[in-house]
Amino acid sequence: FFFFQAEDGIRDFCLSRGLGDVYKRQVRYSSGEAYQGAFEGNLKQGHGAYNWPDGRIYQGTFDKDLPNGFGLFQYPDGLLFRGWWKDGLQHGIGEEVEQEGGKTLRRIGEWVEGKWKTWRTDVTGVH
């Protein structure tokens, strides 16, 4: 266990295990956010999970500190986005899944630079 002083002055608690140039760490930020996963240098790189105090969770691939590639994003209200990310934004094909009135609703769509573009299908009542 060790503490390190980040460039922004936030002192973070880390558990680190070396894996060559990539390290697995558990970091809890003073904001209450937490990250567990791979780092390269001081950047999130590879697979990891990021948690916010309000209950949001991202699990997936990071590149240069941002979600890139495939990932899952869980909102506090239970809505789940599973799909592709680019530079920290939803980008490409993705699926939203939520529970409503005892039913599981699934929508497959396309996102461009974090903005929903179009739904490809709308399937309701799938359990």
C-alpha atoms as a PDB file:
ATOM      1  CA  PHE A   1       0.000   0.000   0.000  1.00  0.00           C
ATOM      2  CA  PHE A   2       1.188   3.505  -0.670  1.00  0.00           C
ATOM      3  CA  PHE A   3       0.023   7.054  -1.190  1.00  0.00           C
ATOM      4  CA  PHE A   4       1.010   9.109  -4.173  1.00  0.00           C
ATOM      5  CA  GLN A   5       0.594  12.775  -4.893  1.00  0.00           C
ATOM      6  CA  ALA A   6      -1.111  13.345  -8.246  1.00  0.00           C
ATOM      7  CA  GLU A   7      -0.246  16.349 -10.396  1.00  0.00           C
ATOM      8  CA  ASP A   8      -3.563  17.971  -9.472  1.00  0.00           C
ATOM      9  CA  GLY A   9      -2.595  17.804  -5.789  1.00  0.00           C
ATOM     10  CA  ILE A  10      -5.030  15.036  -4.863  1.00  0.00           C
ATOM     11  CA  ARG A  11      -3.471  12.475  -2.583  1.00  0.00           C
ATOM     12  CA  ASP A  12      -4.620   9.001  -3.563  1.00  0.00           C
ATOM     13  CA  PHE A  13      -4.438   5.638  -1.834  1.00  0.00           C
ATOM     14  CA  CYS A  14      -3.253   2.825  -4.090  1.00  0.00           C
ATOM     15  CA  LEU A  15      -2.663  -0.890  -4.006  1.00  0.00           C
ATOM     16  CA  SER A  16      -0.296  -1.714  -6.846  1.00  0.00           C
ATOM     17  CA  ARG A  17       1.027  -4.942  -8.324  1.00  0.00           C
ATOM     18  CA  GLY A  18       3.572  -4.664 -11.117  1.00  0.00           C
ATOM     19  CA  LEU A  19       2.994  -6.439 -14.432  1.00  0.00           C
ATOM     20  CA  GLY A  20       5.849  -5.140 -16.559  1.00  0.00           C
ATOM     21  CA  ASP A  21       4.970  -1.717 -17.952  1.00  0.00           C
ATOM     22  CA  VAL A  22       1.296  -2.161 -17.040  1.00  0.00           C
ATOM     23  CA  TYR A  23       0.206  -2.111 -13.403  1.00  0.00           C
ATOM     24  CA  LYS A  24      -2.995  -3.275 -11.733  1.00  0.00           C
ATOM     25  CA  ARG A  25      -4.123  -0.765  -9.112  1.00  0.00           C
ATOM     26  CA  GLN A  26      -6.986   0.068  -6.847  1.00  0.00           C
ATOM     27  CA  VAL A  27      -7.324   3.831  -6.491  1.00  0.00           C
ATOM     28  CA  ARG A  28      -9.790   5.739  -4.322  1.00  0.00           C
ATOM     29  CA  TYR A  29      -9.885   9.453  -5.121  1.00  0.00           C
ATOM     30  CA  SER A  30     -10.714  12.139  -2.555  1.00  0.00           C
ATOM     31  CA  SER A  31     -13.889  12.873  -4.592  1.00  0.00           C
ATOM     32  CA  GLY A  32     -15.200   9.420  -3.604  1.00  0.00           C
ATOM     33  CA  GLU A  33     -14.653   7.999  -7.078  1.00  0.00           C
ATOM     34  CA  ALA A  34     -12.719   4.740  -7.358  1.00  0.00           C
ATOM     35  CA  TYR A  35     -10.887   2.825 -10.085  1.00  0.00           C
ATOM     36  CA  GLN A  36      -9.643  -0.727 -10.127  1.00  0.00           C
ATOM     37  CA  GLY A  37      -7.732  -1.952 -13.124  1.00  0.00           C
ATOM     38  CA  ALA A  38      -4.761  -1.563 -15.370  1.00  0.00           C
ATOM     39  CA  PHE A  39      -2.516   1.484 -15.590  1.00  0.00           C
ATOM     40  CA  GLU A  40       0.349   2.287 -17.894  1.00  0.00           C
ATOM     41  CA  GLY A  41       2.351   4.992 -16.210  1.00  0.00           C
ATOM     42  CA  ASN A  42      -0.279   7.197 -14.554  1.00  0.00           C
ATOM     43  CA  LEU A  43      -2.977   6.550 -17.168  1.00  0.00           C
ATOM     44  CA  LYS A  44      -5.796   4.022 -17.077  1.00  0.00           C
ATOM     45  CA  GLN A  45      -4.893   1.578 -19.847  1.00  0.00           C
ATOM     46  CA  GLY A  46      -6.525  -1.786 -20.570  1.00  0.00           C
ATOM     47  CA  HIS A  47      -9.406  -3.336 -18.644  1.00  0.00           C
ATOM     48  CA  GLY A  48     -10.791  -1.663 -15.532  1.00  0.00           C
ATOM     49  CA  ALA A  49     -13.816  -0.524 -13.533  1.00  0.00           C
ATOM     50  CA  TYR A  50     -14.573   3.069 -12.518  1.00  0.00           C
ATOM     51  CA  ASN A  51     -17.160   3.866  -9.824  1.00  0.00           C
ATOM     52  CA  TRP A  52     -18.758   7.235  -8.969  1.00  0.00           C
ATOM     53  CA  PRO A  53     -20.243   8.024  -5.531  1.00  0.00           C
ATOM     54  CA  ASP A  54     -23.741   8.450  -7.045  1.00  0.00           C
ATOM     55  CA  GLY A  55     -23.751   4.801  -8.182  1.00  0.00           C
ATOM     56  CA  ARG A  56     -22.613   5.112 -11.809  1.00  0.00           C
ATOM     57  CA  ILE A  57     -20.215   2.346 -12.881  1.00  0.00           C
ATOM     58  CA  TYR A  58     -18.166   1.889 -16.055  1.00  0.00           C
ATOM     59  CA  GLN A  59     -16.536  -1.494 -16.688  1.00  0.00           C
ATOM     60  CA  GLY A  60     -14.543  -2.010 -19.824  1.00  0.00           C
ATOM     61  CA  THR A  61     -11.517  -0.996 -21.803  1.00  0.00           C
ATOM     62  CA  PHE A  62      -9.554   2.201 -21.253  1.00  0.00           C
ATOM     63  CA  ASP A  63      -7.020   3.812 -23.564  1.00  0.00           C
ATOM     64  CA  LYS A  64      -4.991   6.814 -22.440  1.00  0.00           C
ATOM     65  CA  ASP A  65      -7.224   7.324 -19.365  1.00  0.00           C
ATOM     66  CA  LEU A  66     -10.560   7.277 -21.267  1.00  0.00           C
ATOM     67  CA  PRO A  67     -13.136   4.594 -22.072  1.00  0.00           C
ATOM     68  CA  ASN A  68     -12.212   3.225 -25.513  1.00  0.00           C
ATOM     69  CA  GLY A  69     -13.410  -0.024 -27.034  1.00  0.00           C
ATOM     70  CA  PHE A  70     -16.169  -2.166 -25.546  1.00  0.00           C
ATOM     71  CA  GLY A  71     -17.649  -1.295 -22.159  1.00  0.00           C
ATOM     72  CA  LEU A  72     -20.666  -1.428 -19.850  1.00  0.00           C
ATOM     73  CA  PHE A  73     -22.086   1.680 -18.167  1.00  0.00           C
ATOM     74  CA  GLN A  74     -24.602   1.256 -15.341  1.00  0.00           C
ATOM     75  CA  TYR A  75     -26.660   4.282 -14.286  1.00  0.00           C
ATOM     76  CA  PRO A  76     -27.989   4.673 -10.705  1.00  0.00           C
ATOM     77  CA  ASP A  77     -31.580   4.160 -11.928  1.00  0.00           C
ATOM     78  CA  GLY A  78     -30.655   0.720 -13.311  1.00  0.00           C
ATOM     79  CA  LEU A  79     -30.345   1.654 -16.987  1.00  0.00           C
ATOM     80  CA  LEU A  80     -27.450  -0.254 -18.557  1.00  0.00           C
ATOM     81  CA  PHE A  81     -25.574   0.740 -21.700  1.00  0.00           C
ATOM     82  CA  ARG A  82     -23.402  -1.935 -23.246  1.00  0.00           C
ATOM     83  CA  GLY A  83     -21.499  -1.047 -26.373  1.00  0.00           C
ATOM     84  CA  TRP A  84     -18.616   0.775 -27.991  1.00  0.00           C
ATOM     85  CA  TRP A  85     -16.750   3.833 -26.735  1.00  0.00           C
ATOM     86  CA  LYS A  86     -14.284   6.226 -28.343  1.00  0.00           C
ATOM     87  CA  ASP A  87     -12.335   8.900 -26.451  1.00  0.00           C
ATOM     88  CA  GLY A  88     -14.648   8.644 -23.427  1.00  0.00           C
ATOM     89  CA  LEU A  89     -17.902   8.866 -25.420  1.00  0.00           C
ATOM     90  CA  GLN A  90     -20.405   6.281 -26.642  1.00  0.00           C
ATOM     91  CA  HIS A  91     -19.543   5.737 -30.294  1.00  0.00           C
ATOM     92  CA  GLY A  92     -20.799   2.959 -32.547  1.00  0.00           C
ATOM     93  CA  ILE A  93     -23.348   0.230 -31.905  1.00  0.00           C
ATOM     94  CA  GLY A  94     -24.709  -0.144 -28.390  1.00  0.00           C
ATOM     95  CA  GLU A  95     -27.585  -1.605 -26.430  1.00  0.00           C
ATOM     96  CA  GLU A  96     -29.633  -0.013 -23.677  1.00  0.00           C
ATOM     97  CA  VAL A  97     -31.270  -2.395 -21.212  1.00  0.00           C
ATOM     98  CA  GLU A  98     -33.701  -1.356 -18.481  1.00  0.00           C
ATOM     99  CA  GLN A  99     -36.428  -2.804 -16.289  1.00  0.00           C
ATOM    100  CA  GLU A 100     -39.906  -1.320 -16.597  1.00  0.00           C
ATOM    101  CA  GLY A 101     -43.081  -2.741 -15.126  1.00  0.00           C
ATOM    102  CA  GLY A 102     -41.582  -6.186 -14.623  1.00  0.00           C
ATOM    103  CA  LYS A 103     -40.300  -6.333 -18.196  1.00  0.00           C
ATOM    104  CA  THR A 104     -36.780  -6.078 -19.552  1.00  0.00           C
ATOM    105  CA  LEU A 105     -36.620  -3.514 -22.344  1.00  0.00           C
ATOM    106  CA  ARG A 106     -33.774  -3.723 -24.855  1.00  0.00           C
ATOM    107  CA  ARG A 107     -32.980  -1.182 -27.543  1.00  0.00           C
ATOM    108  CA  ILE A 108     -30.091  -1.488 -29.989  1.00  0.00           C
ATOM    109  CA  GLY A 109     -28.905   1.723 -31.534  1.00  0.00           C
ATOM    110  CA  GLU A 110     -26.047   3.726 -32.911  1.00  0.00           C
ATOM    111  CA  TRP A 111     -24.197   6.530 -31.134  1.00  0.00           C
ATOM    112  CA  VAL A 112     -21.858   9.100 -32.657  1.00  0.00           C
ATOM    113  CA  GLU A 113     -19.464  10.997 -30.369  1.00  0.00           C
ATOM    114  CA  GLY A 114     -21.666  10.469 -27.311  1.00  0.00           C
ATOM    115  CA  LYS A 115     -24.975  11.313 -28.978  1.00  0.00           C
ATOM    116  CA  TRP A 116     -27.665   8.816 -29.864  1.00  0.00           C
ATOM    117  CA  LYS A 117     -28.235   8.726 -33.639  1.00  0.00           C
ATOM    118  CA  THR A 118     -30.827   6.016 -34.364  1.00  0.00           C
ATOM    119  CA  TRP A 119     -32.473   2.901 -32.930  1.00  0.00           C
ATOM    120  CA  ARG A 120     -31.907  -0.268 -34.915  1.00  0.00           C
ATOM    121  CA  THR A 121     -34.469  -2.407 -33.072  1.00  0.00           C
ATOM    122  CA  ASP A 122     -36.920  -2.099 -30.197  1.00  0.00           C
ATOM    123  CA  VAL A 123     -37.641  -5.345 -28.376  1.00  0.00           C
ATOM    124  CA  THR A 124     -39.880  -5.262 -25.290  1.00  0.00           C
ATOM    125  CA  GLY A 125     -40.846  -7.856 -22.745  1.00  0.00           C
ATOM    126  CA  VAL A 126     -37.704  -9.965 -23.073  1.00  0.00           C
ATOM    127  CA  HIS A 127     -36.831 -11.669 -19.786  1.00  0.00           C
END
